[in-house]
Full PDB file with SEQRES, HELIX, SHEET, SSBOND, CRYST1, ORIGX, SCALE, CONECT and MASTER records, all heavy atoms in Angstrom:
SEQRES   1 A   43  LEU THR LYS GLU LEU GLY GLU THR PRO PRO GLN PRO VAL          
SEQRES   2 A   43  ILE THR PHE GLU ASN LYS ALA ILE SER VAL TYR GLN SER          
SEQRES   3 A   43  SER TYR CYS TRP ASN ASN ALA SER LYS GLY THR GLY THR          
SEQRES   4 A   43  CYS ALA ASP TYR                                              
HELIX    1 AA1 LYS A    3  LEU A    5  5                                   3    
SHEET    1 AA1 2 ILE A  14  PHE A  16  0                                        
SHEET    2 AA1 2 LYS A  19  ILE A  21 -1                                        
SHEET    1 AA2 2 TYR A  28  ASN A  32  0                                        
SHEET    2 AA2 2 THR A  37  ALA A  41 -1                                        
SSBOND   1 CYS A   29    CYS A   40                          1555   1555  2.01  
CRYST1    1.000    1.000    1.000  90.00  90.00  90.00 P 1           1          
ORIGX1      1.000000  0.000000  0.000000        0.00000                         
ORIGX2      0.000000  1.000000  0.000000        0.00000                         
ORIGX3      0.000000  0.000000  1.000000        0.00000                         
SCALE1      1.000000  0.000000  0.000000        0.00000                         
SCALE2      0.000000  1.000000  0.000000        0.00000                         
SCALE3      0.000000  0.000000  1.000000        0.00000                         
ATOM      1  N   LEU A   1       3.606  13.276   4.359  1.00  0.00           N  
ATOM      2  CA  LEU A   1       4.023  12.622   5.595  1.00  0.00           C  
ATOM      3  C   LEU A   1       4.157  11.123   5.391  1.00  0.00           C  
ATOM      4  O   LEU A   1       5.062  10.492   5.902  1.00  0.00           O  
ATOM      5  CB  LEU A   1       3.019  12.908   6.720  1.00  0.00           C  
ATOM      6  CG  LEU A   1       3.034  14.322   7.277  1.00  0.00           C  
ATOM      7  CD1 LEU A   1       1.933  14.493   8.307  1.00  0.00           C  
ATOM      8  CD2 LEU A   1       4.371  14.669   7.872  1.00  0.00           C  
ATOM      9  N   THR A   2       3.251  10.530   4.621  1.00  0.00           N  
ATOM     10  CA  THR A   2       3.320   9.101   4.350  1.00  0.00           C  
ATOM     11  C   THR A   2       4.578   8.783   3.575  1.00  0.00           C  
ATOM     12  O   THR A   2       5.294   7.843   3.896  1.00  0.00           O  
ATOM     13  CB  THR A   2       2.074   8.647   3.572  1.00  0.00           C  
ATOM     14  OG1 THR A   2       0.930   8.953   4.357  1.00  0.00           O  
ATOM     15  CG2 THR A   2       2.112   7.161   3.294  1.00  0.00           C  
ATOM     16  N   LYS A   3       4.888   9.572   2.546  1.00  0.00           N  
ATOM     17  CA  LYS A   3       6.091   9.345   1.745  1.00  0.00           C  
ATOM     18  C   LYS A   3       7.347   9.525   2.587  1.00  0.00           C  
ATOM     19  O   LYS A   3       8.340   8.875   2.351  1.00  0.00           O  
ATOM     20  CB  LYS A   3       6.132  10.313   0.553  1.00  0.00           C  
ATOM     21  CG  LYS A   3       5.085  10.031  -0.493  1.00  0.00           C  
ATOM     22  CD  LYS A   3       5.167  11.043  -1.608  1.00  0.00           C  
ATOM     23  CE  LYS A   3       4.030  10.874  -2.577  1.00  0.00           C  
ATOM     24  NZ  LYS A   3       3.998  11.936  -3.565  1.00  0.00           N  
ATOM     25  N   GLU A   4       7.247  10.401   3.567  1.00  0.00           N  
ATOM     26  CA  GLU A   4       8.373  10.719   4.431  1.00  0.00           C  
ATOM     27  C   GLU A   4       8.925   9.491   5.162  1.00  0.00           C  
ATOM     28  O   GLU A   4      10.084   9.425   5.491  1.00  0.00           O  
ATOM     29  CB  GLU A   4       7.884  11.762   5.434  1.00  0.00           C  
ATOM     30  CG  GLU A   4       8.916  12.392   6.280  1.00  0.00           C  
ATOM     31  CD  GLU A   4       8.291  13.454   7.157  1.00  0.00           C  
ATOM     32  OE1 GLU A   4       7.697  14.399   6.632  1.00  0.00           O  
ATOM     33  OE2 GLU A   4       8.405  13.310   8.374  1.00  0.00           O  
ATOM     34  N   LEU A   5       8.083   8.490   5.407  1.00  0.00           N  
ATOM     35  CA  LEU A   5       8.533   7.308   6.125  1.00  0.00           C  
ATOM     36  C   LEU A   5       9.516   6.480   5.318  1.00  0.00           C  
ATOM     37  O   LEU A   5      10.381   5.837   5.878  1.00  0.00           O  
ATOM     38  CB  LEU A   5       7.337   6.441   6.542  1.00  0.00           C  
ATOM     39  CG  LEU A   5       6.523   7.004   7.693  1.00  0.00           C  
ATOM     40  CD1 LEU A   5       5.318   6.127   7.974  1.00  0.00           C  
ATOM     41  CD2 LEU A   5       7.363   7.156   8.943  1.00  0.00           C  
ATOM     42  N   GLY A   6       9.394   6.443   4.029  1.00  0.00           N  
ATOM     43  CA  GLY A   6      10.356   5.739   3.195  1.00  0.00           C  
ATOM     44  C   GLY A   6      10.070   4.260   3.039  1.00  0.00           C  
ATOM     45  O   GLY A   6       9.068   3.735   3.510  1.00  0.00           O  
ATOM     46  N   GLU A   7      10.996   3.586   2.384  1.00  0.00           N  
ATOM     47  CA  GLU A   7      10.821   2.179   2.024  1.00  0.00           C  
ATOM     48  C   GLU A   7      11.291   1.215   3.100  1.00  0.00           C  
ATOM     49  O   GLU A   7      11.028   0.021   3.034  1.00  0.00           O  
ATOM     50  CB  GLU A   7      11.560   1.901   0.712  1.00  0.00           C  
ATOM     51  CG  GLU A   7      10.995   2.689  -0.453  1.00  0.00           C  
ATOM     52  CD  GLU A   7      11.740   2.454  -1.748  1.00  0.00           C  
ATOM     53  OE1 GLU A   7      12.691   1.646  -1.763  1.00  0.00           O  
ATOM     54  OE2 GLU A   7      11.368   3.069  -2.743  1.00  0.00           O  
ATOM     55  N   THR A   8      12.012   1.715   4.082  1.00  0.00           N  
ATOM     56  CA  THR A   8      12.504   0.888   5.184  1.00  0.00           C  
ATOM     57  C   THR A   8      12.214   1.608   6.506  1.00  0.00           C  
ATOM     58  O   THR A   8      12.010   2.822   6.517  1.00  0.00           O  
ATOM     59  CB  THR A   8      14.025   0.645   5.064  1.00  0.00           C  
ATOM     60  OG1 THR A   8      14.693   1.903   5.059  1.00  0.00           O  
ATOM     61  CG2 THR A   8      14.368  -0.128   3.796  1.00  0.00           C  
ATOM     62  N   PRO A   9      12.199   0.881   7.613  1.00  0.00           N  
ATOM     63  CA  PRO A   9      11.929   1.532   8.892  1.00  0.00           C  
ATOM     64  C   PRO A   9      12.946   2.641   9.184  1.00  0.00           C  
ATOM     65  O   PRO A   9      14.146   2.458   8.966  1.00  0.00           O  
ATOM     66  CB  PRO A   9      12.080   0.397   9.909  1.00  0.00           C  
ATOM     67  CG  PRO A   9      11.859  -0.854   9.137  1.00  0.00           C  
ATOM     68  CD  PRO A   9      12.389  -0.568   7.765  1.00  0.00           C  
ATOM     69  N   PRO A  10      12.464   3.794   9.658  1.00  0.00           N  
ATOM     70  CA  PRO A  10      13.388   4.883  10.008  1.00  0.00           C  
ATOM     71  C   PRO A  10      14.165   4.530  11.283  1.00  0.00           C  
ATOM     72  O   PRO A  10      13.654   3.819  12.150  1.00  0.00           O  
ATOM     73  CB  PRO A  10      12.458   6.068  10.257  1.00  0.00           C  
ATOM     74  CG  PRO A  10      11.166   5.437  10.667  1.00  0.00           C  
ATOM     75  CD  PRO A  10      11.072   4.134   9.923  1.00  0.00           C  
ATOM     76  N   GLN A  11      15.388   4.992  11.374  1.00  0.00           N  
ATOM     77  CA  GLN A  11      16.213   4.742  12.560  1.00  0.00           C  
ATOM     78  C   GLN A  11      16.099   5.909  13.532  1.00  0.00           C  
ATOM     79  O   GLN A  11      16.291   7.060  13.141  1.00  0.00           O  
ATOM     80  CB  GLN A  11      17.685   4.566  12.166  1.00  0.00           C  
ATOM     81  CG  GLN A  11      17.963   3.283  11.428  1.00  0.00           C  
ATOM     82  CD  GLN A  11      17.745   2.064  12.313  1.00  0.00           C  
ATOM     83  OE1 GLN A  11      18.236   1.982  13.419  1.00  0.00           O  
ATOM     84  NE2 GLN A  11      16.983   1.107  11.806  1.00  0.00           N  
ATOM     85  N   PRO A  12      15.797   5.630  14.795  1.00  0.00           N  
ATOM     86  CA  PRO A  12      15.770   6.717  15.773  1.00  0.00           C  
ATOM     87  C   PRO A  12      17.191   7.104  16.171  1.00  0.00           C  
ATOM     88  O   PRO A  12      18.128   6.320  16.028  1.00  0.00           O  
ATOM     89  CB  PRO A  12      15.040   6.087  16.966  1.00  0.00           C  
ATOM     90  CG  PRO A  12      15.391   4.638  16.880  1.00  0.00           C  
ATOM     91  CD  PRO A  12      15.474   4.337  15.400  1.00  0.00           C  
ATOM     92  N   VAL A  13      17.310   8.319  16.655  1.00  0.00           N  
ATOM     93  CA  VAL A  13      18.575   8.776  17.235  1.00  0.00           C  
ATOM     94  C   VAL A  13      18.344   8.824  18.738  1.00  0.00           C  
ATOM     95  O   VAL A  13      17.412   9.471  19.215  1.00  0.00           O  
ATOM     96  CB  VAL A  13      18.964  10.175  16.687  1.00  0.00           C  
ATOM     97  CG1 VAL A  13      20.203  10.692  17.390  1.00  0.00           C  
ATOM     98  CG2 VAL A  13      19.153  10.122  15.185  1.00  0.00           C  
ATOM     99  N   ILE A  14      19.169   8.106  19.480  1.00  0.00           N  
ATOM    100  CA  ILE A  14      19.069   8.093  20.942  1.00  0.00           C  
ATOM    101  C   ILE A  14      20.341   8.729  21.479  1.00  0.00           C  
ATOM    102  O   ILE A  14      21.448   8.393  21.039  1.00  0.00           O  
ATOM    103  CB  ILE A  14      18.886   6.659  21.468  1.00  0.00           C  
ATOM    104  CG1 ILE A  14      17.578   6.080  20.921  1.00  0.00           C  
ATOM    105  CG2 ILE A  14      18.903   6.645  22.999  1.00  0.00           C  
ATOM    106  CD1 ILE A  14      17.307   4.644  21.286  1.00  0.00           C  
ATOM    107  N   THR A  15      20.180   9.683  22.403  1.00  0.00           N  
ATOM    108  CA  THR A  15      21.339  10.411  22.916  1.00  0.00           C  
ATOM    109  C   THR A  15      21.326  10.479  24.439  1.00  0.00           C  
ATOM    110  O   THR A  15      20.279  10.420  25.082  1.00  0.00           O  
ATOM    111  CB  THR A  15      21.391  11.852  22.359  1.00  0.00           C  
ATOM    112  OG1 THR A  15      20.178  12.517  22.695  1.00  0.00           O  
ATOM    113  CG2 THR A  15      21.586  11.862  20.856  1.00  0.00           C  
ATOM    114  N   PHE A  16      22.531  10.613  24.972  1.00  0.00           N  
ATOM    115  CA  PHE A  16      22.736  10.892  26.393  1.00  0.00           C  
ATOM    116  C   PHE A  16      23.711  12.050  26.451  1.00  0.00           C  
ATOM    117  O   PHE A  16      24.829  11.945  25.943  1.00  0.00           O  
ATOM    118  CB  PHE A  16      23.308   9.677  27.136  1.00  0.00           C  
ATOM    119  CG  PHE A  16      23.554   9.956  28.589  1.00  0.00           C  
ATOM    120  CD1 PHE A  16      22.510   9.959  29.490  1.00  0.00           C  
ATOM    121  CD2 PHE A  16      24.828  10.239  29.044  1.00  0.00           C  
ATOM    122  CE1 PHE A  16      22.731  10.233  30.828  1.00  0.00           C  
ATOM    123  CE2 PHE A  16      25.063  10.506  30.381  1.00  0.00           C  
ATOM    124  CZ  PHE A  16      24.008  10.504  31.280  1.00  0.00           C  
ATOM    125  N   GLU A  17      23.276  13.168  27.035  1.00  0.00           N  
ATOM    126  CA  GLU A  17      24.111  14.374  27.134  1.00  0.00           C  
ATOM    127  C   GLU A  17      24.722  14.722  25.770  1.00  0.00           C  
ATOM    128  O   GLU A  17      25.918  14.933  25.635  1.00  0.00           O  
ATOM    129  CB  GLU A  17      25.184  14.204  28.206  1.00  0.00           C  
ATOM    130  CG  GLU A  17      24.609  14.058  29.594  1.00  0.00           C  
ATOM    131  CD  GLU A  17      25.662  13.889  30.677  1.00  0.00           C  
ATOM    132  OE1 GLU A  17      26.854  13.621  30.369  1.00  0.00           O  
ATOM    133  OE2 GLU A  17      25.289  14.022  31.851  1.00  0.00           O  
ATOM    134  N   ASN A  18      23.888  14.739  24.743  1.00  0.00           N  
ATOM    135  CA  ASN A  18      24.249  15.100  23.358  1.00  0.00           C  
ATOM    136  C   ASN A  18      25.213  14.125  22.694  1.00  0.00           C  
ATOM    137  O   ASN A  18      25.773  14.429  21.652  1.00  0.00           O  
ATOM    138  CB  ASN A  18      24.795  16.526  23.281  1.00  0.00           C  
ATOM    139  CG  ASN A  18      23.746  17.539  23.674  1.00  0.00           C  
ATOM    140  OD1 ASN A  18      22.590  17.419  23.273  1.00  0.00           O  
ATOM    141  ND2 ASN A  18      24.139  18.514  24.469  1.00  0.00           N  
ATOM    142  N   LYS A  19      25.418  12.942  23.286  1.00  0.00           N  
ATOM    143  CA  LYS A  19      26.265  11.915  22.683  1.00  0.00           C  
ATOM    144  C   LYS A  19      25.362  10.789  22.192  1.00  0.00           C  
ATOM    145  O   LYS A  19      24.522  10.280  22.936  1.00  0.00           O  
ATOM    146  CB  LYS A  19      27.262  11.377  23.700  1.00  0.00           C  
ATOM    147  CG  LYS A  19      28.178  10.310  23.128  1.00  0.00           C  
ATOM    148  CD  LYS A  19      29.106   9.750  24.200  1.00  0.00           C  
ATOM    149  CE  LYS A  19      29.900   8.606  23.626  1.00  0.00           C  
ATOM    150  NZ  LYS A  19      29.551   7.325  24.189  1.00  0.00           N  
ATOM    151  N   ALA A  20      25.544  10.391  20.913  1.00  0.00           N  
ATOM    152  CA  ALA A  20      24.706   9.344  20.324  1.00  0.00           C  
ATOM    153  C   ALA A  20      24.987   7.984  20.949  1.00  0.00           C  
ATOM    154  O   ALA A  20      26.133   7.624  21.212  1.00  0.00           O  
ATOM    155  CB  ALA A  20      24.934   9.281  18.820  1.00  0.00           C  
ATOM    156  N   ILE A  21      23.917   7.251  21.184  1.00  0.00           N  
ATOM    157  CA  ILE A  21      23.969   5.873  21.666  1.00  0.00           C  
ATOM    158  C   ILE A  21      23.813   4.976  20.429  1.00  0.00           C  
ATOM    159  O   ILE A  21      23.025   5.270  19.538  1.00  0.00           O  
ATOM    160  CB  ILE A  21      22.802   5.604  22.652  1.00  0.00           C  
ATOM    161  CG1 ILE A  21      22.870   6.552  23.856  1.00  0.00           C  
ATOM    162  CG2 ILE A  21      22.745   4.152  23.076  1.00  0.00           C  
ATOM    163  CD1 ILE A  21      24.041   6.365  24.768  1.00  0.00           C  
ATOM    164  N   SER A  22      24.549   3.870  20.369  1.00  0.00           N  
ATOM    165  CA  SER A  22      24.435   2.941  19.242  1.00  0.00           C  
ATOM    166  C   SER A  22      23.074   2.244  19.280  1.00  0.00           C  
ATOM    167  O   SER A  22      22.712   1.664  20.304  1.00  0.00           O  
ATOM    168  CB  SER A  22      25.540   1.888  19.296  1.00  0.00           C  
ATOM    169  OG  SER A  22      26.806   2.503  19.220  1.00  0.00           O  
ATOM    170  N   VAL A  23      22.348   2.338  18.159  1.00  0.00           N  
ATOM    171  CA  VAL A  23      21.013   1.748  18.045  1.00  0.00           C  
ATOM    172  C   VAL A  23      21.038   0.753  16.886  1.00  0.00           C  
ATOM    173  O   VAL A  23      21.599   1.041  15.829  1.00  0.00           O  
ATOM    174  CB  VAL A  23      19.952   2.834  17.783  1.00  0.00           C  
ATOM    175  CG1 VAL A  23      18.562   2.222  17.643  1.00  0.00           C  
ATOM    176  CG2 VAL A  23      19.968   3.889  18.875  1.00  0.00           C  
ATOM    177  N   TYR A  24      20.392  -0.400  17.088  1.00  0.00           N  
ATOM    178  CA  TYR A  24      20.398  -1.462  16.084  1.00  0.00           C  
ATOM    179  C   TYR A  24      18.977  -1.822  15.677  1.00  0.00           C  
ATOM    180  O   TYR A  24      18.074  -1.861  16.517  1.00  0.00           O  
ATOM    181  CB  TYR A  24      21.112  -2.702  16.634  1.00  0.00           C  
ATOM    182  CG  TYR A  24      22.527  -2.390  17.045  1.00  0.00           C  
ATOM    183  CD1 TYR A  24      22.812  -1.978  18.350  1.00  0.00           C  
ATOM    184  CD2 TYR A  24      23.568  -2.441  16.129  1.00  0.00           C  
ATOM    185  CE1 TYR A  24      24.112  -1.657  18.729  1.00  0.00           C  
ATOM    186  CE2 TYR A  24      24.874  -2.120  16.503  1.00  0.00           C  
ATOM    187  CZ  TYR A  24      25.121  -1.730  17.804  1.00  0.00           C  
ATOM    188  OH  TYR A  24      26.401  -1.394  18.170  1.00  0.00           O  
ATOM    189  N   GLN A  25      18.815  -2.089  14.385  1.00  0.00           N  
ATOM    190  CA  GLN A  25      17.514  -2.525  13.876  1.00  0.00           C  
ATOM    191  C   GLN A  25      17.160  -3.864  14.500  1.00  0.00           C  
ATOM    192  O   GLN A  25      18.010  -4.733  14.657  1.00  0.00           O  
ATOM    193  CB  GLN A  25      17.576  -2.675  12.351  1.00  0.00           C  
ATOM    194  CG  GLN A  25      16.268  -3.117  11.715  1.00  0.00           C  
ATOM    195  CD  GLN A  25      15.172  -2.084  11.854  1.00  0.00           C  
ATOM    196  OE1 GLN A  25      15.311  -0.965  11.369  1.00  0.00           O  
ATOM    197  NE2 GLN A  25      14.091  -2.435  12.520  1.00  0.00           N  
ATOM    198  N   SER A  26      15.897  -4.018  14.858  1.00  0.00           N  
ATOM    199  CA  SER A  26      15.408  -5.291  15.362  1.00  0.00           C  
ATOM    200  C   SER A  26      14.184  -5.674  14.532  1.00  0.00           C  
ATOM    201  O   SER A  26      14.031  -5.196  13.407  1.00  0.00           O  
ATOM    202  CB  SER A  26      15.099  -5.173  16.855  1.00  0.00           C  
ATOM    203  OG  SER A  26      14.900  -6.453  17.417  1.00  0.00           O  
ATOM    204  N   SER A  27      13.306  -6.493  15.060  1.00  0.00           N  
ATOM    205  CA  SER A  27      12.158  -7.009  14.314  1.00  0.00           C  
ATOM    206  C   SER A  27      11.292  -5.878  13.764  1.00  0.00           C  
ATOM    207  O   SER A  27      11.140  -4.835  14.402  1.00  0.00           O  
ATOM    208  CB  SER A  27      11.307  -7.896  15.217  1.00  0.00           C  
ATOM    209  OG  SER A  27      12.081  -8.975  15.688  1.00  0.00           O  
ATOM    210  N   TYR A  28      10.736  -6.108  12.576  1.00  0.00           N  
ATOM    211  CA  TYR A  28       9.875  -5.107  11.958  1.00  0.00           C  
ATOM    212  C   TYR A  28       8.942  -5.733  10.930  1.00  0.00           C  
ATOM    213  O   TYR A  28       9.186  -6.825  10.429  1.00  0.00           O  
ATOM    214  CB  TYR A  28      10.701  -4.000  11.289  1.00  0.00           C  
ATOM    215  CG  TYR A  28      11.513  -4.469  10.103  1.00  0.00           C  
ATOM    216  CD1 TYR A  28      10.978  -4.434   8.818  1.00  0.00           C  
ATOM    217  CD2 TYR A  28      12.808  -4.940  10.260  1.00  0.00           C  
ATOM    218  CE1 TYR A  28      11.729  -4.876   7.730  1.00  0.00           C  
ATOM    219  CE2 TYR A  28      13.557  -5.375   9.181  1.00  0.00           C  
ATOM    220  CZ  TYR A  28      13.006  -5.336   7.918  1.00  0.00           C  
ATOM    221  OH  TYR A  28      13.737  -5.780   6.838  1.00  0.00           O  
ATOM    222  N   CYS A  29       7.862  -5.008  10.635  1.00  0.00           N  
ATOM    223  CA  CYS A  29       6.989  -5.238   9.482  1.00  0.00           C  
ATOM    224  C   CYS A  29       6.793  -3.870   8.858  1.00  0.00           C  
ATOM    225  O   CYS A  29       6.344  -2.931   9.526  1.00  0.00           O  
ATOM    226  CB  CYS A  29       5.647  -5.826   9.893  1.00  0.00           C  
ATOM    227  SG  CYS A  29       5.724  -7.590  10.204  1.00  0.00           S  
ATOM    228  N   TRP A  30       7.159  -3.750   7.606  1.00  0.00           N  
ATOM    229  CA  TRP A  30       7.169  -2.438   6.971  1.00  0.00           C  
ATOM    230  C   TRP A  30       6.492  -2.476   5.615  1.00  0.00           C  
ATOM    231  O   TRP A  30       6.746  -3.389   4.822  1.00  0.00           O  
ATOM    232  CB  TRP A  30       8.610  -1.937   6.821  1.00  0.00           C  
ATOM    233  CG  TRP A  30       8.663  -0.469   6.660  1.00  0.00           C  
ATOM    234  CD1 TRP A  30       8.924   0.238   5.524  1.00  0.00           C  
ATOM    235  CD2 TRP A  30       8.389   0.495   7.668  1.00  0.00           C  
ATOM    236  NE1 TRP A  30       8.837   1.581   5.777  1.00  0.00           N  
ATOM    237  CE2 TRP A  30       8.503   1.765   7.089  1.00  0.00           C  
ATOM    238  CE3 TRP A  30       8.047   0.407   9.013  1.00  0.00           C  
ATOM    239  CZ2 TRP A  30       8.300   2.951   7.795  1.00  0.00           C  
ATOM    240  CZ3 TRP A  30       7.844   1.582   9.719  1.00  0.00           C  
ATOM    241  CH2 TRP A  30       7.976   2.825   9.119  1.00  0.00           C  
ATOM    242  N   ASN A  31       5.645  -1.492   5.362  1.00  0.00           N  
ATOM    243  CA  ASN A  31       4.968  -1.367   4.077  1.00  0.00           C  
ATOM    244  C   ASN A  31       5.778  -0.477   3.158  1.00  0.00           C  
ATOM    245  O   ASN A  31       6.215   0.593   3.561  1.00  0.00           O  
ATOM    246  CB  ASN A  31       3.569  -0.761   4.259  1.00  0.00           C  
ATOM    247  CG  ASN A  31       2.659  -1.673   5.037  1.00  0.00           C  
ATOM    248  OD1 ASN A  31       2.728  -2.881   4.886  1.00  0.00           O  
ATOM    249  ND2 ASN A  31       1.817  -1.107   5.879  1.00  0.00           N  
ATOM    250  N   ASN A  32       5.971  -0.923   1.942  1.00  0.00           N  
ATOM    251  CA  ASN A  32       6.636  -0.120   0.917  1.00  0.00           C  
ATOM    252  C   ASN A  32       5.537   0.344  -0.033  1.00  0.00           C  
ATOM    253  O   ASN A  32       5.210  -0.331  -1.003  1.00  0.00           O  
ATOM    254  CB  ASN A  32       7.697  -0.946   0.190  1.00  0.00           C  
ATOM    255  CG  ASN A  32       8.498  -0.126  -0.782  1.00  0.00           C  
ATOM    256  OD1 ASN A  32       8.047   0.914  -1.255  1.00  0.00           O  
ATOM    257  ND2 ASN A  32       9.685  -0.595  -1.100  1.00  0.00           N  
ATOM    258  N   ALA A  33       4.937   1.507   0.285  1.00  0.00           N  
ATOM    259  CA  ALA A  33       3.791   2.009  -0.462  1.00  0.00           C  
ATOM    260  C   ALA A  33       4.115   2.235  -1.936  1.00  0.00           C  
ATOM    261  O   ALA A  33       3.275   1.989  -2.802  1.00  0.00           O  
ATOM    262  CB  ALA A  33       3.285   3.302   0.175  1.00  0.00           C  
ATOM    263  N   SER A  34       5.329   2.666  -2.243  1.00  0.00           N  
ATOM    264  CA  SER A  34       5.678   2.948  -3.642  1.00  0.00           C  
ATOM    265  C   SER A  34       5.705   1.675  -4.492  1.00  0.00           C  
ATOM    266  O   SER A  34       5.444   1.713  -5.677  1.00  0.00           O  
ATOM    267  CB  SER A  34       7.025   3.676  -3.735  1.00  0.00           C  
ATOM    268  OG  SER A  34       8.070   2.836  -3.300  1.00  0.00           O  
ATOM    269  N   LYS A  35       5.998   0.530  -3.876  1.00  0.00           N  
ATOM    270  CA  LYS A  35       6.035  -0.743  -4.607  1.00  0.00           C  
ATOM    271  C   LYS A  35       4.813  -1.612  -4.332  1.00  0.00           C  
ATOM    272  O   LYS A  35       4.639  -2.653  -4.964  1.00  0.00           O  
ATOM    273  CB  LYS A  35       7.303  -1.524  -4.242  1.00  0.00           C  
ATOM    274  CG  LYS A  35       8.575  -0.854  -4.719  1.00  0.00           C  
ATOM    275  CD  LYS A  35       9.784  -1.701  -4.380  1.00  0.00           C  
ATOM    276  CE  LYS A  35      11.061  -0.996  -4.849  1.00  0.00           C  
ATOM    277  NZ  LYS A  35      12.246  -1.740  -4.441  1.00  0.00           N  
ATOM    278  N   GLY A  36       3.986  -1.196  -3.374  1.00  0.00           N  
ATOM    279  CA  GLY A  36       2.809  -1.980  -3.035  1.00  0.00           C  
ATOM    280  C   GLY A  36       3.149  -3.308  -2.376  1.00  0.00           C  
ATOM    281  O   GLY A  36       2.427  -4.282  -2.519  1.00  0.00           O  
ATOM    282  N   THR A  37       4.261  -3.348  -1.636  1.00  0.00           N  
ATOM    283  CA  THR A  37       4.684  -4.582  -0.971  1.00  0.00           C  
ATOM    284  C   THR A  37       4.942  -4.321   0.502  1.00  0.00           C  
ATOM    285  O   THR A  37       5.020  -3.181   0.939  1.00  0.00           O  
ATOM    286  CB  THR A  37       5.981  -5.140  -1.600  1.00  0.00           C  
ATOM    287  OG1 THR A  37       7.026  -4.164  -1.436  1.00  0.00           O  
ATOM    288  CG2 THR A  37       5.804  -5.463  -3.068  1.00  0.00           C  
ATOM    289  N   GLY A  38       5.102  -5.387   1.236  1.00  0.00           N  
ATOM    290  CA  GLY A  38       5.462  -5.291   2.648  1.00  0.00           C  
ATOM    291  C   GLY A  38       6.493  -6.346   2.989  1.00  0.00           C  
ATOM    292  O   GLY A  38       6.573  -7.379   2.324  1.00  0.00           O  
ATOM    293  N   THR A  39       7.285  -6.068   4.017  1.00  0.00           N  
ATOM    294  CA  THR A  39       8.338  -6.987   4.432  1.00  0.00           C  
ATOM    295  C   THR A  39       8.338  -7.088   5.949  1.00  0.00           C  
ATOM    296  O   THR A  39       8.172  -6.082   6.636  1.00  0.00           O  
ATOM    297  CB  THR A  39       9.720  -6.476   3.979  1.00  0.00           C  
ATOM    298  OG1 THR A  39       9.704  -6.270   2.576  1.00  0.00           O  
ATOM    299  CG2 THR A  39      10.812  -7.450   4.337  1.00  0.00           C  
ATOM    300  N   CYS A  40       8.566  -8.296   6.441  1.00  0.00           N  
ATOM    301  CA  CYS A  40       8.713  -8.506   7.879  1.00  0.00           C  
ATOM    302  C   CYS A  40      10.024  -9.234   8.136  1.00  0.00           C  
ATOM    303  O   CYS A  40      10.469 -10.038   7.305  1.00  0.00           O  
ATOM    304  CB  CYS A  40       7.560  -9.344   8.438  1.00  0.00           C  
ATOM    305  SG  CYS A  40       5.977  -8.492   8.426  1.00  0.00           S  
ATOM    306  N   ALA A  41      10.637  -8.949   9.267  1.00  0.00           N  
ATOM    307  CA  ALA A  41      11.868  -9.632   9.673  1.00  0.00           C  
ATOM    308  C   ALA A  41      11.859  -9.784  11.186  1.00  0.00           C  
ATOM    309  O   ALA A  41      11.426  -8.881  11.902  1.00  0.00           O  
ATOM    310  CB  ALA A  41      13.096  -8.843   9.234  1.00  0.00           C  
ATOM    311  N   ASP A  42      12.320 -10.937  11.660  1.00  0.00           N  
ATOM    312  CA  ASP A  42      12.419 -11.201  13.090  1.00  0.00           C  
ATOM    313  C   ASP A  42      13.886 -11.265  13.509  1.00  0.00           C  
ATOM    314  O   ASP A  42      14.711 -11.824  12.786  1.00  0.00           O  
ATOM    315  CB  ASP A  42      11.749 -12.528  13.450  1.00  0.00           C  
ATOM    316  CG  ASP A  42      10.238 -12.438  13.417  1.00  0.00           C  
ATOM    317  OD1 ASP A  42       9.703 -11.370  13.765  1.00  0.00           O  
ATOM    318  OD2 ASP A  42       9.592 -13.439  13.050  1.00  0.00           O  
ATOM    319  N   TYR A  43      14.181 -10.686  14.657  1.00  0.00           N  
ATOM    320  CA  TYR A  43      15.534 -10.676  15.201  1.00  0.00           C  
ATOM    321  C   TYR A  43      15.519 -11.335  16.569  1.00  0.00           C  
ATOM    322  O   TYR A  43      14.475 -11.488  17.186  1.00  0.00           O  
ATOM    323  CB  TYR A  43      16.045  -9.239  15.342  1.00  0.00           C  
ATOM    324  CG  TYR A  43      16.389  -8.558  14.052  1.00  0.00           C  
ATOM    325  CD1 TYR A  43      15.413  -8.150  13.151  1.00  0.00           C  
ATOM    326  CD2 TYR A  43      17.712  -8.289  13.726  1.00  0.00           C  
ATOM    327  CE1 TYR A  43      15.735  -7.513  11.970  1.00  0.00           C  
ATOM    328  CE2 TYR A  43      18.047  -7.647  12.542  1.00  0.00           C  
ATOM    329  CZ  TYR A  43      17.050  -7.266  11.661  1.00  0.00           C  
ATOM    330  OH  TYR A  43      17.384  -6.635  10.499  1.00  0.00           O  
TER     331      TYR A  43                                                      
CONECT  227  305                                                                
CONECT  305  227                                                                
MASTER        0    0    0    1    4    0    0    6  330    1    2    4          
END                                                                             
């Protein structure tokens, strides 16, 4: 489950009546367990 998260934040799928809504990455702090590093970004 931990590996499942990946090296970057996962993108959610948001829908209305089975139609996808455009979603954009915003601020985050993410751990890259495989590299032992973390990254933060502000939007």
